[in-house]
Amino acid sequence: MAEPLLTVFAEMHAKPGKEDELRRALIGLIEPTRREAGCVQYDLHVDREDPRHYFFYENWTSRKELDAHLASPHLKAFVTTADALLAEPLRIVLATRVDRESA
């Protein structure tokens, strides 16, 4: 039986006035991340009610690949700018999808 996908929810809130800068930085992460080994899905979302509130919805084949992503140059570069852009610390939730087969 194959290992279930590792789902990641990454939640960020832009500092007031930094919405566009954060959006550009997050968009810049999409393509290099999607090319990484183990990346199944990496989608950026913005809250319809709060343009400062962003989410990444991600699916990875394993924790090993996620850890490699977290150590990637493009993500490390983002982390160096995060304090200037984020109103609060990045929130990450790791999850596994529940369906009939896994119940």
PDB file of N, CA and C in Angstrom:
ATOM      1  N   MET A   1       0.841  -1.183   0.000  1.00  0.00           N
ATOM      2  CA  MET A   1       0.000   0.000   0.000  1.00  0.00           C
ATOM      3  C   MET A   1       0.886   1.245   0.000  1.00  0.00           C
ATOM      4  N   ALA A   2       0.582   2.169  -0.868  1.00  0.00           N
ATOM      5  CA  ALA A   2       1.370   3.399  -1.006  1.00  0.00           C
ATOM      6  C   ALA A   2       1.171   4.313   0.205  1.00  0.00           C
ATOM      7  N   GLU A   3       2.245   5.015   0.530  1.00  0.00           N
ATOM      8  CA  GLU A   3       2.169   5.988   1.622  1.00  0.00           C
ATOM      9  C   GLU A   3       1.212   7.112   1.224  1.00  0.00           C
ATOM     10  N   PRO A   4       0.333   7.545   2.136  1.00  0.00           N
ATOM     11  CA  PRO A   4      -0.587   8.637   1.779  1.00  0.00           C
ATOM     12  C   PRO A   4       0.188   9.937   1.569  1.00  0.00           C
ATOM     13  N   LEU A   5      -0.379  10.803   0.751  1.00  0.00           N
ATOM     14  CA  LEU A   5       0.239  12.104   0.523  1.00  0.00           C
ATOM     15  C   LEU A   5       0.283  12.899   1.820  1.00  0.00           C
ATOM     16  N   LEU A   6       1.317  13.695   1.939  1.00  0.00           N
ATOM     17  CA  LEU A   6       1.449  14.629   3.050  1.00  0.00           C
ATOM     18  C   LEU A   6       0.898  15.967   2.573  1.00  0.00           C
ATOM     19  N   THR A   7      -0.166  16.424   3.205  1.00  0.00           N
ATOM     20  CA  THR A   7      -0.788  17.692   2.847  1.00  0.00           C
ATOM     21  C   THR A   7      -0.299  18.768   3.805  1.00  0.00           C
ATOM     22  N   VAL A   8      -0.007  19.928   3.237  1.00  0.00           N
ATOM     23  CA  VAL A   8       0.477  21.059   4.021  1.00  0.00           C
ATOM     24  C   VAL A   8      -0.442  22.249   3.780  1.00  0.00           C
ATOM     25  N   PHE A   9      -0.836  22.892   4.870  1.00  0.00           N
ATOM     26  CA  PHE A   9      -1.534  24.165   4.820  1.00  0.00           C
ATOM     27  C   PHE A   9      -0.582  25.191   5.419  1.00  0.00           C
ATOM     28  N   ALA A  10      -0.167  26.162   4.632  1.00  0.00           N
ATOM     29  CA  ALA A  10       0.729  27.222   5.120  1.00  0.00           C
ATOM     30  C   ALA A  10      -0.054  28.528   5.053  1.00  0.00           C
ATOM     31  N   GLU A  11      -0.156  29.192   6.182  1.00  0.00           N
ATOM     32  CA  GLU A  11      -1.003  30.383   6.304  1.00  0.00           C
ATOM     33  C   GLU A  11      -0.148  31.590   6.672  1.00  0.00           C
ATOM     34  N   MET A  12      -0.377  32.698   5.949  1.00  0.00           N
ATOM     35  CA  MET A  12       0.386  33.922   6.170  1.00  0.00           C
ATOM     36  C   MET A  12      -0.524  35.141   6.143  1.00  0.00           C
ATOM     37  N   HIS A  13      -0.174  36.147   6.942  1.00  0.00           N
ATOM     38  CA  HIS A  13      -0.878  37.426   6.946  1.00  0.00           C
ATOM     39  C   HIS A  13       0.145  38.518   6.639  1.00  0.00           C
ATOM     40  N   ALA A  14      -0.116  39.295   5.606  1.00  0.00           N
ATOM     41  CA  ALA A  14       0.788  40.386   5.235  1.00  0.00           C
ATOM     42  C   ALA A  14       0.675  41.534   6.224  1.00  0.00           C
ATOM     43  N   LYS A  15       1.794  42.212   6.449  1.00  0.00           N
ATOM     44  CA  LYS A  15       1.748  43.454   7.210  1.00  0.00           C
ATOM     45  C   LYS A  15       0.936  44.460   6.403  1.00  0.00           C
ATOM     46  N   PRO A  16       0.241  45.383   7.059  1.00  0.00           N
ATOM     47  CA  PRO A  16      -0.491  46.408   6.318  1.00  0.00           C
ATOM     48  C   PRO A  16       0.454  47.145   5.365  1.00  0.00           C
ATOM     49  N   GLY A  17       0.008  47.281   4.133  1.00  0.00           N
ATOM     50  CA  GLY A  17       0.805  47.941   3.104  1.00  0.00           C
ATOM     51  C   GLY A  17       1.791  47.033   2.403  1.00  0.00           C
ATOM     52  N   LYS A  18       1.920  45.780   2.856  1.00  0.00           N
ATOM     53  CA  LYS A  18       2.867  44.826   2.257  1.00  0.00           C
ATOM     54  C   LYS A  18       2.164  43.733   1.448  1.00  0.00           C
ATOM     55  N   GLU A  19       0.859  43.898   1.228  1.00  0.00           N
ATOM     56  CA  GLU A  19       0.081  42.870   0.535  1.00  0.00           C
ATOM     57  C   GLU A  19       0.650  42.533  -0.842  1.00  0.00           C
ATOM     58  N   ASP A  20       0.918  43.551  -1.649  1.00  0.00           N
ATOM     59  CA  ASP A  20       1.411  43.308  -3.011  1.00  0.00           C
ATOM     60  C   ASP A  20       2.808  42.707  -3.005  1.00  0.00           C
ATOM     61  N   GLU A  21       3.647  43.176  -2.104  1.00  0.00           N
ATOM     62  CA  GLU A  21       5.006  42.655  -2.022  1.00  0.00           C
ATOM     63  C   GLU A  21       5.000  41.186  -1.585  1.00  0.00           C
ATOM     64  N   LEU A  22       4.154  40.851  -0.615  1.00  0.00           N
ATOM     65  CA  LEU A  22       4.038  39.459  -0.193  1.00  0.00           C
ATOM     66  C   LEU A  22       3.488  38.610  -1.327  1.00  0.00           C
ATOM     67  N   ARG A  23       2.472  39.102  -1.999  1.00  0.00           N
ATOM     68  CA  ARG A  23       1.880  38.353  -3.118  1.00  0.00           C
ATOM     69  C   ARG A  23       2.926  38.032  -4.172  1.00  0.00           C
ATOM     70  N   ARG A  24       3.738  39.027  -4.543  1.00  0.00           N
ATOM     71  CA  ARG A  24       4.790  38.797  -5.552  1.00  0.00           C
ATOM     72  C   ARG A  24       5.800  37.762  -5.055  1.00  0.00           C
ATOM     73  N   ALA A  25       6.184  37.865  -3.791  1.00  0.00           N
ATOM     74  CA  ALA A  25       7.153  36.913  -3.233  1.00  0.00           C
ATOM     75  C   ALA A  25       6.590  35.496  -3.237  1.00  0.00           C
ATOM     76  N   LEU A  26       5.326  35.348  -2.875  1.00  0.00           N
ATOM     77  CA  LEU A  26       4.712  34.023  -2.833  1.00  0.00           C
ATOM     78  C   LEU A  26       4.534  33.450  -4.235  1.00  0.00           C
ATOM     79  N   ILE A  27       4.118  34.281  -5.176  1.00  0.00           N
ATOM     80  CA  ILE A  27       3.990  33.818  -6.561  1.00  0.00           C
ATOM     81  C   ILE A  27       5.341  33.338  -7.078  1.00  0.00           C
ATOM     82  N   GLY A  28       6.404  34.010  -6.668  1.00  0.00           N
ATOM     83  CA  GLY A  28       7.741  33.611  -7.090  1.00  0.00           C
ATOM     84  C   GLY A  28       8.167  32.239  -6.577  1.00  0.00           C
ATOM     85  N   LEU A  29       7.510  31.726  -5.567  1.00  0.00           N
ATOM     86  CA  LEU A  29       7.826  30.394  -5.043  1.00  0.00           C
ATOM     87  C   LEU A  29       7.162  29.270  -5.839  1.00  0.00           C
ATOM     88  N   ILE A  30       6.115  29.589  -6.573  1.00  0.00           N
ATOM     89  CA  ILE A  30       5.283  28.547  -7.178  1.00  0.00           C
ATOM     90  C   ILE A  30       6.047  27.692  -8.187  1.00  0.00           C
ATOM     91  N   GLU A  31       6.581  28.281  -9.221  1.00  0.00           N
ATOM     92  CA  GLU A  31       7.199  27.485 -10.288  1.00  0.00           C
ATOM     93  C   GLU A  31       8.405  26.677  -9.824  1.00  0.00           C
ATOM     94  N   PRO A  32       9.354  27.275  -9.079  1.00  0.00           N
ATOM     95  CA  PRO A  32      10.475  26.430  -8.644  1.00  0.00           C
ATOM     96  C   PRO A  32      10.038  25.302  -7.719  1.00  0.00           C
ATOM     97  N   THR A  33       9.032  25.546  -6.914  1.00  0.00           N
ATOM     98  CA  THR A  33       8.554  24.490  -6.015  1.00  0.00           C
ATOM     99  C   THR A  33       7.867  23.386  -6.792  1.00  0.00           C
ATOM    100  N   ARG A  34       7.070  23.736  -7.768  1.00  0.00           N
ATOM    101  CA  ARG A  34       6.368  22.712  -8.552  1.00  0.00           C
ATOM    102  C   ARG A  34       7.336  21.806  -9.313  1.00  0.00           C
ATOM    103  N   ARG A  35       8.551  22.275  -9.555  1.00  0.00           N
ATOM    104  CA  ARG A  35       9.556  21.455 -10.241  1.00  0.00           C
ATOM    105  C   ARG A  35      10.316  20.529  -9.284  1.00  0.00           C
ATOM    106  N   GLU A  36      10.113  20.686  -7.991  1.00  0.00           N
ATOM    107  CA  GLU A  36      10.838  19.881  -7.014  1.00  0.00           C
ATOM    108  C   GLU A  36      10.337  18.434  -6.989  1.00  0.00           C
ATOM    109  N   ALA A  37      11.274  17.530  -6.713  1.00  0.00           N
ATOM    110  CA  ALA A  37      10.910  16.115  -6.549  1.00  0.00           C
ATOM    111  C   ALA A  37       9.915  15.993  -5.401  1.00  0.00           C
ATOM    112  N   GLY A  38       8.883  15.199  -5.631  1.00  0.00           N
ATOM    113  CA  GLY A  38       7.914  14.934  -4.579  1.00  0.00           C
ATOM    114  C   GLY A  38       6.769  15.921  -4.478  1.00  0.00           C
ATOM    115  N   CYS A  39       6.844  17.035  -5.200  1.00  0.00           N
ATOM    116  CA  CYS A  39       5.757  18.008  -5.166  1.00  0.00           C
ATOM    117  C   CYS A  39       4.634  17.539  -6.085  1.00  0.00           C
ATOM    118  N   VAL A  40       3.480  17.287  -5.524  1.00  0.00           N
ATOM    119  CA  VAL A  40       2.308  16.859  -6.276  1.00  0.00           C
ATOM    120  C   VAL A  40       1.409  18.055  -6.574  1.00  0.00           C
ATOM    121  N   GLN A  41       1.311  18.965  -5.614  1.00  0.00           N
ATOM    122  CA  GLN A  41       0.434  20.129  -5.749  1.00  0.00           C
ATOM    123  C   GLN A  41       0.979  21.251  -4.885  1.00  0.00           C
ATOM    124  N   TYR A  42       0.969  22.475  -5.434  1.00  0.00           N
ATOM    125  CA  TYR A  42       1.452  23.640  -4.696  1.00  0.00           C
ATOM    126  C   TYR A  42       0.672  24.841  -5.207  1.00  0.00           C
ATOM    127  N   ASP A  43      -0.407  25.175  -4.525  1.00  0.00           N
ATOM    128  CA  ASP A  43      -1.337  26.205  -4.985  1.00  0.00           C
ATOM    129  C   ASP A  43      -1.459  27.324  -3.962  1.00  0.00           C
ATOM    130  N   LEU A  44      -1.378  28.549  -4.445  1.00  0.00           N
ATOM    131  CA  LEU A  44      -1.513  29.736  -3.606  1.00  0.00           C
ATOM    132  C   LEU A  44      -2.948  30.239  -3.650  1.00  0.00           C
ATOM    133  N   HIS A  45      -3.463  30.615  -2.491  1.00  0.00           N
ATOM    134  CA  HIS A  45      -4.826  31.152  -2.373  1.00  0.00           C
ATOM    135  C   HIS A  45      -4.790  32.429  -1.549  1.00  0.00           C
ATOM    136  N   VAL A  46      -5.749  33.313  -1.826  1.00  0.00           N
ATOM    137  CA  VAL A  46      -5.924  34.513  -1.003  1.00  0.00           C
ATOM    138  C   VAL A  46      -7.357  34.522  -0.487  1.00  0.00           C
ATOM    139  N   ASP A  47      -7.531  34.944   0.732  1.00  0.00           N
ATOM    140  CA  ASP A  47      -8.832  35.028   1.387  1.00  0.00           C
ATOM    141  C   ASP A  47      -9.701  36.041   0.632  1.00  0.00           C
ATOM    142  N   ARG A  48     -10.901  35.676   0.278  1.00  0.00           N
ATOM    143  CA  ARG A  48     -11.813  36.576  -0.443  1.00  0.00           C
ATOM    144  C   ARG A  48     -12.228  37.777   0.388  1.00  0.00           C
ATOM    145  N   GLU A  49     -12.199  37.631   1.692  1.00  0.00           N
ATOM    146  CA  GLU A  49     -12.647  38.698   2.582  1.00  0.00           C
ATOM    147  C   GLU A  49     -11.491  39.544   3.123  1.00  0.00           C
ATOM    148  N   ASP A  50     -10.275  39.009   3.063  1.00  0.00           N
ATOM    149  CA  ASP A  50      -9.119  39.693   3.640  1.00  0.00           C
ATOM    150  C   ASP A  50      -7.924  39.558   2.698  1.00  0.00           C
ATOM    151  N   PRO A  51      -7.633  40.584   1.906  1.00  0.00           N
ATOM    152  CA  PRO A  51      -6.541  40.492   0.918  1.00  0.00           C
ATOM    153  C   PRO A  51      -5.143  40.401   1.525  1.00  0.00           C
ATOM    154  N   ARG A  52      -5.051  40.472   2.848  1.00  0.00           N
ATOM    155  CA  ARG A  52      -3.757  40.309   3.520  1.00  0.00           C
ATOM    156  C   ARG A  52      -3.507  38.857   3.930  1.00  0.00           C
ATOM    157  N   HIS A  53      -4.495  37.992   3.754  1.00  0.00           N
ATOM    158  CA  HIS A  53      -4.473  36.623   4.262  1.00  0.00           C
ATOM    159  C   HIS A  53      -4.238  35.640   3.107  1.00  0.00           C
ATOM    160  N   TYR A  54      -3.088  34.962   3.118  1.00  0.00           N
ATOM    161  CA  TYR A  54      -2.703  34.023   2.061  1.00  0.00           C
ATOM    162  C   TYR A  54      -2.552  32.617   2.624  1.00  0.00           C
ATOM    163  N   PHE A  55      -2.771  31.640   1.745  1.00  0.00           N
ATOM    164  CA  PHE A  55      -2.610  30.226   2.089  1.00  0.00           C
ATOM    165  C   PHE A  55      -1.914  29.509   0.938  1.00  0.00           C
ATOM    166  N   PHE A  56      -1.027  28.605   1.263  1.00  0.00           N
ATOM    167  CA  PHE A  56      -0.572  27.607   0.299  1.00  0.00           C
ATOM    168  C   PHE A  56      -1.248  26.294   0.669  1.00  0.00           C
ATOM    169  N   TYR A  57      -1.768  25.605  -0.336  1.00  0.00           N
ATOM    170  CA  TYR A  57      -2.284  24.248  -0.189  1.00  0.00           C
ATOM    171  C   TYR A  57      -1.323  23.375  -0.970  1.00  0.00           C
ATOM    172  N   GLU A  58      -0.674  22.439  -0.282  1.00  0.00           N
ATOM    173  CA  GLU A  58       0.395  21.648  -0.879  1.00  0.00           C
ATOM    174  C   GLU A  58       0.163  20.165  -0.635  1.00  0.00           C
ATOM    175  N   ASN A  59       0.626  19.345  -1.578  1.00  0.00           N
ATOM    176  CA  ASN A  59       0.656  17.901  -1.391  1.00  0.00           C
ATOM    177  C   ASN A  59       2.025  17.396  -1.809  1.00  0.00           C
ATOM    178  N   TRP A  60       2.610  16.577  -0.927  1.00  0.00           N
ATOM    179  CA  TRP A  60       3.955  16.026  -1.123  1.00  0.00           C
ATOM    180  C   TRP A  60       3.892  14.515  -1.005  1.00  0.00           C
ATOM    181  N   THR A  61       4.803  13.837  -1.720  1.00  0.00           N
ATOM    182  CA  THR A  61       4.814  12.376  -1.669  1.00  0.00           C
ATOM    183  C   THR A  61       5.367  11.849  -0.356  1.00  0.00           C
ATOM    184  N   SER A  62       6.190  12.649   0.343  1.00  0.00           N
ATOM    185  CA  SER A  62       6.724  12.197   1.627  1.00  0.00           C
ATOM    186  C   SER A  62       7.286  13.368   2.430  1.00  0.00           C
ATOM    187  N   ARG A  63       7.541  13.110   3.680  1.00  0.00           N
ATOM    188  CA  ARG A  63       8.162  14.116   4.551  1.00  0.00           C
ATOM    189  C   ARG A  63       9.576  14.447   4.070  1.00  0.00           C
ATOM    190  N   LYS A  64      10.262  13.460   3.541  1.00  0.00           N
ATOM    191  CA  LYS A  64      11.621  13.677   3.028  1.00  0.00           C
ATOM    192  C   LYS A  64      11.620  14.750   1.937  1.00  0.00           C
ATOM    193  N   GLU A  65      10.685  14.675   1.013  1.00  0.00           N
ATOM    194  CA  GLU A  65      10.602  15.671  -0.058  1.00  0.00           C
ATOM    195  C   GLU A  65      10.181  17.028   0.484  1.00  0.00           C
ATOM    196  N   LEU A  66       9.275  17.047   1.446  1.00  0.00           N
ATOM    197  CA  LEU A  66       8.892  18.314   2.064  1.00  0.00           C
ATOM    198  C   LEU A  66      10.098  18.942   2.759  1.00  0.00           C
ATOM    199  N   ASP A  67      10.865  18.141   3.477  1.00  0.00           N
ATOM    200  CA  ASP A  67      12.057  18.661   4.151  1.00  0.00           C
ATOM    201  C   ASP A  67      13.055  19.229   3.146  1.00  0.00           C
ATOM    202  N   ALA A  68      13.206  18.571   1.996  1.00  0.00           N
ATOM    203  CA  ALA A  68      14.088  19.096   0.948  1.00  0.00           C
ATOM    204  C   ALA A  68      13.562  20.442   0.452  1.00  0.00           C
ATOM    205  N   HIS A  69      12.262  20.563   0.305  1.00  0.00           N
ATOM    206  CA  HIS A  69      11.652  21.831  -0.104  1.00  0.00           C
ATOM    207  C   HIS A  69      11.959  22.918   0.929  1.00  0.00           C
ATOM    208  N   LEU A  70      11.803  22.589   2.192  1.00  0.00           N
ATOM    209  CA  LEU A  70      12.040  23.574   3.246  1.00  0.00           C
ATOM    210  C   LEU A  70      13.496  24.035   3.277  1.00  0.00           C
ATOM    211  N   ALA A  71      14.402  23.226   2.744  1.00  0.00           N
ATOM    212  CA  ALA A  71      15.822  23.573   2.685  1.00  0.00           C
ATOM    213  C   ALA A  71      16.237  24.155   1.333  1.00  0.00           C
ATOM    214  N   SER A  72      15.286  24.301   0.406  1.00  0.00           N
ATOM    215  CA  SER A  72      15.610  24.772  -0.948  1.00  0.00           C
ATOM    216  C   SER A  72      16.049  26.242  -0.931  1.00  0.00           C
ATOM    217  N   PRO A  73      16.902  26.622  -1.880  1.00  0.00           N
ATOM    218  CA  PRO A  73      17.375  28.011  -1.922  1.00  0.00           C
ATOM    219  C   PRO A  73      16.251  29.040  -2.056  1.00  0.00           C
ATOM    220  N   HIS A  74      15.232  28.749  -2.878  1.00  0.00           N
ATOM    221  CA  HIS A  74      14.169  29.739  -3.064  1.00  0.00           C
ATOM    222  C   HIS A  74      13.329  29.916  -1.800  1.00  0.00           C
ATOM    223  N   LEU A  75      13.121  28.847  -1.041  1.00  0.00           N
ATOM    224  CA  LEU A  75      12.358  28.996   0.192  1.00  0.00           C
ATOM    225  C   LEU A  75      13.200  29.670   1.278  1.00  0.00           C
ATOM    226  N   LYS A  76      14.474  29.327   1.339  1.00  0.00           N
ATOM    227  CA  LYS A  76      15.363  29.988   2.303  1.00  0.00           C
ATOM    228  C   LYS A  76      15.438  31.493   2.019  1.00  0.00           C
ATOM    229  N   ALA A  77      15.468  31.869   0.734  1.00  0.00           N
ATOM    230  CA  ALA A  77      15.498  33.294   0.375  1.00  0.00           C
ATOM    231  C   ALA A  77      14.214  33.983   0.827  1.00  0.00           C
ATOM    232  N   PHE A  78      13.072  33.307   0.665  1.00  0.00           N
ATOM    233  CA  PHE A  78      11.813  33.888   1.128  1.00  0.00           C
ATOM    234  C   PHE A  78      11.838  34.095   2.637  1.00  0.00           C
ATOM    235  N   VAL A  79      12.333  33.116   3.363  1.00  0.00           N
ATOM    236  CA  VAL A  79      12.358  33.188   4.827  1.00  0.00           C
ATOM    237  C   VAL A  79      13.165  34.404   5.296  1.00  0.00           C
ATOM    238  N   THR A  80      14.208  34.765   4.561  1.00  0.00           N
ATOM    239  CA  THR A  80      15.013  35.927   4.968  1.00  0.00           C
ATOM    240  C   THR A  80      14.235  37.230   4.836  1.00  0.00           C
ATOM    241  N   THR A  81      13.203  37.273   3.999  1.00  0.00           N
ATOM    242  CA  THR A  81      12.400  38.485   3.822  1.00  0.00           C
ATOM    243  C   THR A  81      11.084  38.429   4.596  1.00  0.00           C
ATOM    244  N   ALA A  82      10.759  37.273   5.160  1.00  0.00           N
ATOM    245  CA  ALA A  82       9.440  37.071   5.767  1.00  0.00           C
ATOM    246  C   ALA A  82       9.142  38.049   6.897  1.00  0.00           C
ATOM    247  N   ASP A  83      10.112  38.334   7.747  1.00  0.00           N
ATOM    248  CA  ASP A  83       9.847  39.244   8.873  1.00  0.00           C
ATOM    249  C   ASP A  83       9.401  40.619   8.401  1.00  0.00           C
ATOM    250  N   ALA A  84       9.922  41.070   7.277  1.00  0.00           N
ATOM    251  CA  ALA A  84       9.552  42.381   6.751  1.00  0.00           C
ATOM    252  C   ALA A  84       8.163  42.377   6.116  1.00  0.00           C
ATOM    253  N   LEU A  85       7.669  41.196   5.745  1.00  0.00           N
ATOM    254  CA  LEU A  85       6.400  41.097   5.016  1.00  0.00           C
ATOM    255  C   LEU A  85       5.238  40.577   5.845  1.00  0.00           C
ATOM    256  N   LEU A  86       5.529  39.759   6.853  1.00  0.00           N
ATOM    257  CA  LEU A  86       4.464  39.074   7.592  1.00  0.00           C
ATOM    258  C   LEU A  86       4.110  39.787   8.891  1.00  0.00           C
ATOM    259  N   ALA A  87       2.808  39.902   9.133  1.00  0.00           N
ATOM    260  CA  ALA A  87       2.307  40.543  10.345  1.00  0.00           C
ATOM    261  C   ALA A  87       2.430  39.624  11.562  1.00  0.00           C
ATOM    262  N   GLU A  88       2.514  38.332  11.325  1.00  0.00           N
ATOM    263  CA  GLU A  88       2.624  37.343  12.392  1.00  0.00           C
ATOM    264  C   GLU A  88       3.376  36.141  11.835  1.00  0.00           C
ATOM    265  N   PRO A  89       3.855  35.260  12.696  1.00  0.00           N
ATOM    266  CA  PRO A  89       4.610  34.106  12.195  1.00  0.00           C
ATOM    267  C   PRO A  89       3.795  33.239  11.247  1.00  0.00           C
ATOM    268  N   LEU A  90       4.489  32.680  10.283  1.00  0.00           N
ATOM    269  CA  LEU A  90       3.908  31.721   9.349  1.00  0.00           C
ATOM    270  C   LEU A  90       3.330  30.561  10.150  1.00  0.00           C
ATOM    271  N   ARG A  91       2.142  30.118   9.777  1.00  0.00           N
ATOM    272  CA  ARG A  91       1.503  28.975  10.450  1.00  0.00           C
ATOM    273  C   ARG A  91       1.463  27.816   9.469  1.00  0.00           C
ATOM    274  N   ILE A  92       1.968  26.664   9.892  1.00  0.00           N
ATOM    275  CA  ILE A  92       1.997  25.475   9.031  1.00  0.00           C
ATOM    276  C   ILE A  92       1.272  24.337   9.731  1.00  0.00           C
ATOM    277  N   VAL A  93       0.388  23.678   8.982  1.00  0.00           N
ATOM    278  CA  VAL A  93      -0.324  22.499   9.475  1.00  0.00           C
ATOM    279  C   VAL A  93      -0.001  21.347   8.527  1.00  0.00           C
ATOM    280  N   LEU A  94       0.443  20.226   9.081  1.00  0.00           N
ATOM    281  CA  LEU A  94       0.671  19.006   8.305  1.00  0.00           C
ATOM    282  C   LEU A  94      -0.520  18.094   8.514  1.00  0.00           C
ATOM    283  N   ALA A  95      -1.022  17.520   7.416  1.00  0.00           N
ATOM    284  CA  ALA A  95      -2.232  16.704   7.510  1.00  0.00           C
ATOM    285  C   ALA A  95      -2.165  15.527   6.550  1.00  0.00           C
ATOM    286  N   THR A  96      -3.046  14.569   6.788  1.00  0.00           N
ATOM    287  CA  THR A  96      -3.244  13.441   5.891  1.00  0.00           C
ATOM    288  C   THR A  96      -4.720  13.392   5.542  1.00  0.00           C
ATOM    289  N   ARG A  97      -5.004  13.258   4.272  1.00  0.00           N
ATOM    290  CA  ARG A  97      -6.390  13.214   3.817  1.00  0.00           C
ATOM    291  C   ARG A  97      -7.076  11.947   4.347  1.00  0.00           C
ATOM    292  N   VAL A  98      -8.308  12.134   4.768  1.00  0.00           N
ATOM    293  CA  VAL A  98      -9.120  11.025   5.245  1.00  0.00           C
ATOM    294  C   VAL A  98     -10.185  10.751   4.194  1.00  0.00           C
ATOM    295  N   ASP A  99     -10.270   9.512   3.778  1.00  0.00           N
ATOM    296  CA  ASP A  99     -11.327   9.111   2.845  1.00  0.00           C
ATOM    297  C   ASP A  99     -11.793   7.705   3.238  1.00  0.00           C
ATOM    298  N   ARG A 100     -12.668   7.148   2.471  1.00  0.00           N
ATOM    299  CA  ARG A 100     -13.215   5.825   2.819  1.00  0.00           C
ATOM    300  C   ARG A 100     -12.155   4.749   2.921  1.00  0.00           C
ATOM    301  N   GLU A 101     -11.180   4.813   2.024  1.00  0.00           N
ATOM    302  CA  GLU A 101     -10.131   3.787   2.009  1.00  0.00           C
ATOM    303  C   GLU A 101      -9.250   3.851   3.240  1.00  0.00           C
ATOM    304  N   SER A 102      -9.082   5.047   3.820  1.00  0.00           N
ATOM    305  CA  SER A 102      -8.191   5.193   4.973  1.00  0.00           C
ATOM    306  C   SER A 102      -8.937   5.124   6.301  1.00  0.00           C
ATOM    307  N   ALA A 103     -10.265   5.057   6.228  1.00  0.00           N
ATOM    308  CA  ALA A 103     -11.072   5.044   7.470  1.00  0.00           C
ATOM    309  C   ALA A 103     -11.008   3.703   8.163  1.00  0.00           C
TER     310      ALA A 103
END
